[in-house]
């Protein structure tokens, strides 16, 4: 993202989104949540650690924050980051499968990692069983 083209209104929209969501997510930044989403996507692609299965829903909080914050951002912010978000979402889609009973095109909140790795496979949440 080219920071030189951003205006005070652009920065204010990011700050407004961060403040508006702080009660649920803590005070975080757009960059931090994009980086967290990218790290989670990479973890899912490489094989999700079986010890973290029950933490997975909480780990999706970065993507939930992005979904809730996106409408608050200015058009310029959304345009500057949309391709990056779309690419991460596409990678996530390829590395996951829909939760039991969900459509094949289910969004991030209705999908689970395709590959689960670890020494022992814990009991999976009911929605993860295909």
N, C-alpha and C. Protein backbone atom coordinates (compact mmCIF):
# COMPACT_ATOMS: atom_id res chain seq x y z
N UNK A 1 0.85 -1.17 0.00
CA UNK A 1 0.00 0.00 0.00
C UNK A 1 0.89 1.23 0.00
N UNK A 2 0.64 2.14 -0.89
CA UNK A 2 1.43 3.36 -1.01
C UNK A 2 0.94 4.37 0.02
N UNK A 3 1.71 4.54 1.09
CA UNK A 3 1.29 5.40 2.20
C UNK A 3 1.25 6.88 1.79
N UNK A 4 1.97 7.27 0.78
CA UNK A 4 2.02 8.67 0.37
C UNK A 4 0.69 9.17 -0.18
N UNK A 5 -0.14 8.30 -0.71
CA UNK A 5 -1.39 8.74 -1.31
C UNK A 5 -2.55 8.78 -0.32
N UNK A 6 -2.32 8.37 0.91
CA UNK A 6 -3.40 8.35 1.89
C UNK A 6 -3.60 9.74 2.51
N UNK A 7 -4.85 10.07 2.74
CA UNK A 7 -5.19 11.36 3.33
C UNK A 7 -5.48 11.21 4.82
N UNK A 8 -5.67 12.32 5.46
CA UNK A 8 -6.05 12.31 6.88
C UNK A 8 -7.37 11.57 7.07
N UNK A 9 -8.29 11.70 6.12
CA UNK A 9 -9.57 10.97 6.21
C UNK A 9 -9.36 9.47 6.15
N UNK A 10 -8.40 9.03 5.32
CA UNK A 10 -8.10 7.60 5.23
C UNK A 10 -7.60 7.07 6.57
N UNK A 11 -6.62 7.77 7.13
CA UNK A 11 -6.09 7.37 8.43
C UNK A 11 -7.17 7.41 9.51
N UNK A 12 -8.00 8.41 9.46
CA UNK A 12 -9.07 8.54 10.44
C UNK A 12 -10.05 7.37 10.34
N UNK A 13 -10.33 6.90 9.14
CA UNK A 13 -11.27 5.78 8.99
C UNK A 13 -10.70 4.51 9.63
N UNK A 14 -9.40 4.31 9.51
CA UNK A 14 -8.77 3.14 10.14
C UNK A 14 -8.83 3.30 11.66
N UNK A 15 -8.54 4.48 12.14
CA UNK A 15 -8.58 4.73 13.58
C UNK A 15 -10.02 4.56 14.11
N UNK A 16 -10.98 5.07 13.37
CA UNK A 16 -12.39 4.95 13.77
C UNK A 16 -12.81 3.48 13.85
N UNK A 17 -12.40 2.69 12.88
CA UNK A 17 -12.71 1.26 12.90
C UNK A 17 -12.06 0.58 14.10
N UNK A 18 -10.80 0.90 14.35
CA UNK A 18 -10.08 0.31 15.48
C UNK A 18 -10.76 0.66 16.80
N UNK A 19 -11.12 1.91 16.95
CA UNK A 19 -11.80 2.34 18.17
C UNK A 19 -13.17 1.69 18.31
N UNK A 20 -13.90 1.63 17.23
CA UNK A 20 -15.24 1.06 17.27
C UNK A 20 -15.28 -0.41 17.62
N UNK A 21 -14.20 -1.12 17.30
CA UNK A 21 -14.15 -2.56 17.55
C UNK A 21 -13.30 -2.92 18.77
N UNK A 22 -12.74 -1.92 19.43
CA UNK A 22 -11.81 -2.16 20.53
C UNK A 22 -12.44 -2.92 21.69
N UNK A 23 -13.71 -2.72 21.96
CA UNK A 23 -14.34 -3.42 23.08
C UNK A 23 -14.33 -4.94 22.87
N UNK A 24 -14.44 -5.38 21.63
CA UNK A 24 -14.46 -6.82 21.33
C UNK A 24 -13.08 -7.39 21.00
N UNK A 25 -12.22 -6.58 20.41
CA UNK A 25 -10.96 -7.11 19.88
C UNK A 25 -9.72 -6.49 20.51
N UNK A 26 -9.88 -5.49 21.35
CA UNK A 26 -8.74 -4.73 21.82
C UNK A 26 -8.39 -3.70 20.75
N UNK A 27 -7.51 -2.79 21.10
CA UNK A 27 -7.12 -1.75 20.14
C UNK A 27 -6.06 -2.33 19.22
N UNK A 28 -6.43 -2.60 17.98
CA UNK A 28 -5.53 -3.20 17.00
C UNK A 28 -5.52 -2.34 15.74
N UNK A 29 -4.62 -2.65 14.85
CA UNK A 29 -4.51 -1.89 13.60
C UNK A 29 -4.87 -2.75 12.40
N UNK A 30 -5.16 -2.09 11.31
CA UNK A 30 -5.42 -2.79 10.06
C UNK A 30 -4.21 -3.64 9.67
N UNK A 31 -3.03 -3.07 9.74
CA UNK A 31 -1.83 -3.83 9.36
C UNK A 31 -1.66 -5.06 10.24
N UNK A 32 -1.88 -4.92 11.54
CA UNK A 32 -1.72 -6.07 12.45
C UNK A 32 -2.72 -7.17 12.12
N UNK A 33 -3.94 -6.81 11.81
CA UNK A 33 -4.95 -7.83 11.51
C UNK A 33 -4.71 -8.47 10.15
N UNK A 34 -4.23 -7.70 9.17
CA UNK A 34 -3.88 -8.30 7.88
C UNK A 34 -2.72 -9.28 8.06
N UNK A 35 -1.74 -8.91 8.87
CA UNK A 35 -0.60 -9.80 9.12
C UNK A 35 -1.04 -11.05 9.88
N UNK A 36 -1.95 -10.91 10.83
CA UNK A 36 -2.46 -12.06 11.57
C UNK A 36 -3.24 -13.00 10.65
N UNK A 37 -4.03 -12.43 9.75
CA UNK A 37 -4.79 -13.25 8.79
C UNK A 37 -3.83 -13.99 7.87
N UNK A 38 -2.80 -13.31 7.40
CA UNK A 38 -1.82 -13.96 6.53
C UNK A 38 -1.11 -15.10 7.27
N UNK A 39 -0.75 -14.88 8.53
CA UNK A 39 -0.08 -15.93 9.31
C UNK A 39 -0.99 -17.13 9.52
N UNK A 40 -2.27 -16.89 9.81
CA UNK A 40 -3.20 -18.00 9.99
C UNK A 40 -3.40 -18.76 8.68
N UNK A 41 -3.54 -18.04 7.59
CA UNK A 41 -3.68 -18.69 6.29
C UNK A 41 -2.46 -19.58 6.01
N UNK A 42 -1.29 -19.07 6.28
CA UNK A 42 -0.07 -19.85 6.06
C UNK A 42 -0.07 -21.10 6.95
N UNK A 43 -0.46 -20.95 8.21
CA UNK A 43 -0.53 -22.11 9.12
C UNK A 43 -1.51 -23.16 8.59
N UNK A 44 -2.64 -22.72 8.09
CA UNK A 44 -3.64 -23.63 7.57
C UNK A 44 -3.11 -24.32 6.31
N UNK A 45 -2.43 -23.59 5.46
CA UNK A 45 -1.86 -24.17 4.23
C UNK A 45 -0.82 -25.25 4.55
N UNK A 46 0.01 -24.99 5.55
CA UNK A 46 1.11 -25.89 5.87
C UNK A 46 0.66 -27.10 6.68
N UNK A 47 -0.53 -27.04 7.23
CA UNK A 47 -1.06 -28.10 8.08
C UNK A 47 -1.33 -27.54 9.45
N UNK A 48 -2.57 -27.54 9.84
CA UNK A 48 -2.97 -26.93 11.10
C UNK A 48 -2.63 -27.86 12.25
N UNK A 49 -1.98 -27.33 13.27
CA UNK A 49 -1.52 -28.10 14.42
C UNK A 49 -2.72 -28.67 15.19
N UNK A 50 -2.74 -29.98 15.36
CA UNK A 50 -3.86 -30.65 16.02
C UNK A 50 -4.07 -30.17 17.45
N UNK A 51 -3.03 -29.67 18.09
CA UNK A 51 -3.18 -29.18 19.46
C UNK A 51 -3.97 -27.87 19.53
N UNK A 52 -4.17 -27.23 18.38
CA UNK A 52 -4.86 -25.94 18.35
C UNK A 52 -6.29 -26.03 17.82
N UNK A 53 -6.77 -27.25 17.59
CA UNK A 53 -8.10 -27.42 16.98
C UNK A 53 -9.17 -26.65 17.74
N UNK A 54 -9.15 -26.73 19.06
CA UNK A 54 -10.20 -26.08 19.85
C UNK A 54 -9.99 -24.58 19.96
N UNK A 55 -8.85 -24.07 19.51
CA UNK A 55 -8.57 -22.63 19.51
C UNK A 55 -8.87 -21.99 18.15
N UNK A 56 -9.13 -22.82 17.16
CA UNK A 56 -9.28 -22.36 15.78
C UNK A 56 -10.32 -21.25 15.63
N UNK A 57 -11.49 -21.43 16.21
CA UNK A 57 -12.54 -20.42 16.07
C UNK A 57 -12.07 -19.07 16.61
N UNK A 58 -11.35 -19.08 17.71
CA UNK A 58 -10.82 -17.83 18.26
C UNK A 58 -9.74 -17.25 17.36
N UNK A 59 -8.97 -18.11 16.70
CA UNK A 59 -7.90 -17.63 15.83
C UNK A 59 -8.46 -16.89 14.61
N UNK A 60 -9.70 -17.17 14.28
CA UNK A 60 -10.34 -16.49 13.14
C UNK A 60 -10.75 -15.06 13.48
N UNK A 61 -10.49 -14.63 14.71
CA UNK A 61 -10.89 -13.28 15.12
C UNK A 61 -10.27 -12.20 14.24
N UNK A 62 -9.08 -12.44 13.71
CA UNK A 62 -8.45 -11.44 12.84
C UNK A 62 -9.29 -11.24 11.57
N UNK A 63 -9.83 -12.32 11.03
CA UNK A 63 -10.65 -12.20 9.81
C UNK A 63 -12.01 -11.59 10.14
N UNK A 64 -12.55 -11.92 11.33
CA UNK A 64 -13.81 -11.29 11.75
C UNK A 64 -13.62 -9.79 11.90
N UNK A 65 -12.49 -9.38 12.49
CA UNK A 65 -12.22 -7.95 12.65
C UNK A 65 -12.18 -7.28 11.27
N UNK A 66 -11.49 -7.90 10.33
CA UNK A 66 -11.40 -7.32 8.99
C UNK A 66 -12.79 -7.17 8.36
N UNK A 67 -13.63 -8.18 8.53
CA UNK A 67 -14.98 -8.12 7.96
C UNK A 67 -15.80 -7.00 8.59
N UNK A 68 -15.65 -6.81 9.88
CA UNK A 68 -16.41 -5.77 10.57
C UNK A 68 -15.84 -4.37 10.31
N UNK A 69 -14.54 -4.28 10.17
CA UNK A 69 -13.90 -2.98 9.97
C UNK A 69 -13.99 -2.49 8.52
N UNK A 70 -14.03 -3.41 7.58
CA UNK A 70 -13.96 -3.06 6.15
C UNK A 70 -14.94 -1.97 5.75
N UNK A 71 -16.21 -2.05 6.14
CA UNK A 71 -17.15 -1.00 5.71
C UNK A 71 -16.84 0.39 6.28
N UNK A 72 -16.08 0.46 7.36
CA UNK A 72 -15.76 1.74 7.99
C UNK A 72 -14.62 2.45 7.25
N UNK A 73 -13.77 1.70 6.60
CA UNK A 73 -12.63 2.27 5.89
C UNK A 73 -13.08 3.10 4.69
N UNK A 74 -12.28 4.06 4.33
CA UNK A 74 -12.56 4.85 3.13
C UNK A 74 -12.40 3.97 1.89
N UNK A 75 -12.97 4.45 0.79
CA UNK A 75 -12.83 3.72 -0.48
C UNK A 75 -11.36 3.52 -0.83
N UNK A 76 -10.54 4.52 -0.55
CA UNK A 76 -9.11 4.45 -0.89
C UNK A 76 -8.42 3.34 -0.10
N UNK A 77 -8.72 3.23 1.18
CA UNK A 77 -8.12 2.17 2.00
C UNK A 77 -8.58 0.81 1.49
N UNK A 78 -9.87 0.67 1.26
CA UNK A 78 -10.38 -0.62 0.76
C UNK A 78 -9.76 -0.96 -0.58
N UNK A 79 -9.67 -0.01 -1.47
CA UNK A 79 -9.08 -0.26 -2.79
C UNK A 79 -7.61 -0.65 -2.67
N UNK A 80 -6.91 -0.01 -1.75
CA UNK A 80 -5.48 -0.30 -1.60
C UNK A 80 -5.22 -1.68 -1.02
N UNK A 81 -6.15 -2.21 -0.22
CA UNK A 81 -5.92 -3.48 0.46
C UNK A 81 -6.79 -4.63 -0.06
N UNK A 82 -7.75 -4.34 -0.94
CA UNK A 82 -8.70 -5.37 -1.38
C UNK A 82 -8.03 -6.54 -2.08
N UNK A 83 -7.09 -6.27 -2.97
CA UNK A 83 -6.43 -7.36 -3.70
C UNK A 83 -5.67 -8.27 -2.74
N UNK A 84 -5.02 -7.68 -1.75
CA UNK A 84 -4.30 -8.47 -0.75
C UNK A 84 -5.26 -9.34 0.05
N UNK A 85 -6.38 -8.77 0.49
CA UNK A 85 -7.37 -9.52 1.25
C UNK A 85 -7.98 -10.63 0.39
N UNK A 86 -8.31 -10.31 -0.84
CA UNK A 86 -8.89 -11.31 -1.74
C UNK A 86 -7.92 -12.47 -1.98
N UNK A 87 -6.64 -12.18 -2.12
CA UNK A 87 -5.64 -13.23 -2.33
C UNK A 87 -5.53 -14.14 -1.11
N UNK A 88 -5.54 -13.54 0.08
CA UNK A 88 -5.49 -14.34 1.30
C UNK A 88 -6.75 -15.19 1.45
N UNK A 89 -7.90 -14.61 1.15
CA UNK A 89 -9.15 -15.36 1.23
C UNK A 89 -9.15 -16.52 0.24
N UNK A 90 -8.62 -16.31 -0.95
CA UNK A 90 -8.56 -17.38 -1.95
C UNK A 90 -7.63 -18.51 -1.49
N UNK A 91 -6.50 -18.15 -0.92
CA UNK A 91 -5.58 -19.16 -0.39
C UNK A 91 -6.25 -19.96 0.73
N UNK A 92 -6.96 -19.26 1.59
CA UNK A 92 -7.67 -19.91 2.69
C UNK A 92 -8.72 -20.88 2.14
N UNK A 93 -9.44 -20.44 1.15
CA UNK A 93 -10.48 -21.28 0.53
C UNK A 93 -9.88 -22.58 0.02
N UNK A 94 -8.72 -22.50 -0.61
CA UNK A 94 -8.07 -23.69 -1.16
C UNK A 94 -7.53 -24.63 -0.09
N UNK A 95 -7.18 -24.10 1.06
CA UNK A 95 -6.57 -24.90 2.13
C UNK A 95 -7.58 -25.37 3.17
N UNK A 96 -8.86 -25.15 2.92
CA UNK A 96 -9.89 -25.51 3.87
C UNK A 96 -11.03 -26.26 3.19
N UNK A 97 -11.89 -26.82 4.02
CA UNK A 97 -13.11 -27.47 3.54
C UNK A 97 -14.27 -26.90 4.34
N UNK A 98 -15.47 -26.94 3.77
CA UNK A 98 -16.62 -26.43 4.52
C UNK A 98 -16.89 -27.26 5.78
N UNK A 99 -17.38 -26.59 6.81
CA UNK A 99 -17.83 -27.31 7.98
C UNK A 99 -19.01 -28.20 7.59
N UNK A 100 -19.22 -29.23 8.36
CA UNK A 100 -20.32 -30.16 8.10
C UNK A 100 -21.63 -29.40 7.90
N UNK A 101 -22.29 -29.67 6.79
CA UNK A 101 -23.57 -29.04 6.50
C UNK A 101 -23.48 -27.70 5.79
N UNK A 102 -22.29 -27.21 5.51
CA UNK A 102 -22.13 -25.93 4.83
C UNK A 102 -21.92 -26.14 3.33
N UNK A 103 -22.25 -25.13 2.55
CA UNK A 103 -22.06 -25.20 1.10
C UNK A 103 -20.57 -25.17 0.76
N UNK A 104 -20.21 -25.68 -0.40
CA UNK A 104 -18.81 -25.71 -0.83
C UNK A 104 -18.21 -24.31 -0.92
N UNK A 105 -19.03 -23.31 -1.16
CA UNK A 105 -18.52 -21.95 -1.29
C UNK A 105 -18.60 -21.18 0.03
N UNK A 106 -18.72 -21.91 1.14
CA UNK A 106 -18.83 -21.26 2.46
C UNK A 106 -17.67 -20.31 2.69
N UNK A 107 -17.95 -19.24 3.39
CA UNK A 107 -16.93 -18.23 3.69
C UNK A 107 -16.04 -18.69 4.83
N UNK A 108 -15.06 -17.91 5.16
CA UNK A 108 -14.04 -18.25 6.14
C UNK A 108 -14.60 -18.73 7.47
N UNK A 109 -15.69 -18.16 7.94
CA UNK A 109 -16.24 -18.52 9.25
C UNK A 109 -16.94 -19.88 9.25
N UNK A 110 -17.13 -20.46 8.08
CA UNK A 110 -17.81 -21.75 7.96
C UNK A 110 -16.91 -22.81 7.33
N UNK A 111 -15.60 -22.67 7.54
CA UNK A 111 -14.65 -23.61 6.96
C UNK A 111 -13.65 -24.04 8.01
N UNK A 112 -13.04 -25.20 7.80
CA UNK A 112 -12.00 -25.71 8.68
C UNK A 112 -10.80 -26.12 7.85
N UNK A 113 -9.63 -26.22 8.49
CA UNK A 113 -8.43 -26.64 7.75
C UNK A 113 -8.61 -28.02 7.12
N UNK A 114 -8.13 -28.16 5.93
CA UNK A 114 -8.16 -29.44 5.23
C UNK A 114 -7.14 -30.40 5.83
N UNK A 115 -5.95 -29.89 6.11
CA UNK A 115 -4.85 -30.70 6.63
C UNK A 115 -4.61 -30.38 8.10
N UNK A 116 -4.76 -31.40 8.94
CA UNK A 116 -4.50 -31.26 10.37
C UNK A 116 -3.32 -32.16 10.69
N UNK A 117 -2.29 -31.59 11.30
CA UNK A 117 -1.07 -32.34 11.58
C UNK A 117 -0.78 -32.35 13.07
N UNK A 118 -0.01 -33.34 13.49
CA UNK A 118 0.39 -33.44 14.89
C UNK A 118 0.52 -34.90 15.28
N UNK A 119 1.12 -35.10 16.44
CA UNK A 119 1.35 -36.47 16.91
C UNK A 119 0.05 -37.19 17.24
N UNK A 120 -0.89 -36.46 17.80
CA UNK A 120 -2.17 -37.08 18.15
C UNK A 120 -3.29 -36.20 17.62
N UNK A 121 -4.29 -36.83 17.12
CA UNK A 121 -5.45 -36.10 16.62
C UNK A 121 -6.50 -36.08 17.71
N UNK A 122 -6.81 -34.90 18.24
CA UNK A 122 -7.79 -34.83 19.32
C UNK A 122 -9.19 -35.10 18.78
N UNK A 123 -10.12 -35.21 19.69
CA UNK A 123 -11.51 -35.31 19.28
C UNK A 123 -11.87 -34.01 18.56
N UNK A 124 -12.39 -34.14 17.37
CA UNK A 124 -12.71 -32.96 16.57
C UNK A 124 -14.07 -32.39 16.95
N UNK A 125 -14.24 -31.08 16.83
CA UNK A 125 -15.56 -30.50 17.03
C UNK A 125 -16.56 -31.16 16.08
N UNK A 126 -17.81 -31.31 16.50
CA UNK A 126 -18.81 -31.99 15.69
C UNK A 126 -18.94 -31.43 14.28
N UNK A 127 -18.83 -30.12 14.13
CA UNK A 127 -18.97 -29.51 12.81
C UNK A 127 -17.79 -29.81 11.89
N UNK A 128 -16.69 -30.33 12.45
CA UNK A 128 -15.51 -30.65 11.65
C UNK A 128 -15.60 -32.05 11.03
N UNK A 129 -16.47 -32.87 11.54
CA UNK A 129 -16.60 -34.24 11.05
C UNK A 129 -17.39 -34.22 9.75
N UNK A 130 -16.80 -34.83 8.75
CA UNK A 130 -17.47 -34.83 7.43
C UNK A 130 -18.35 -36.02 7.25
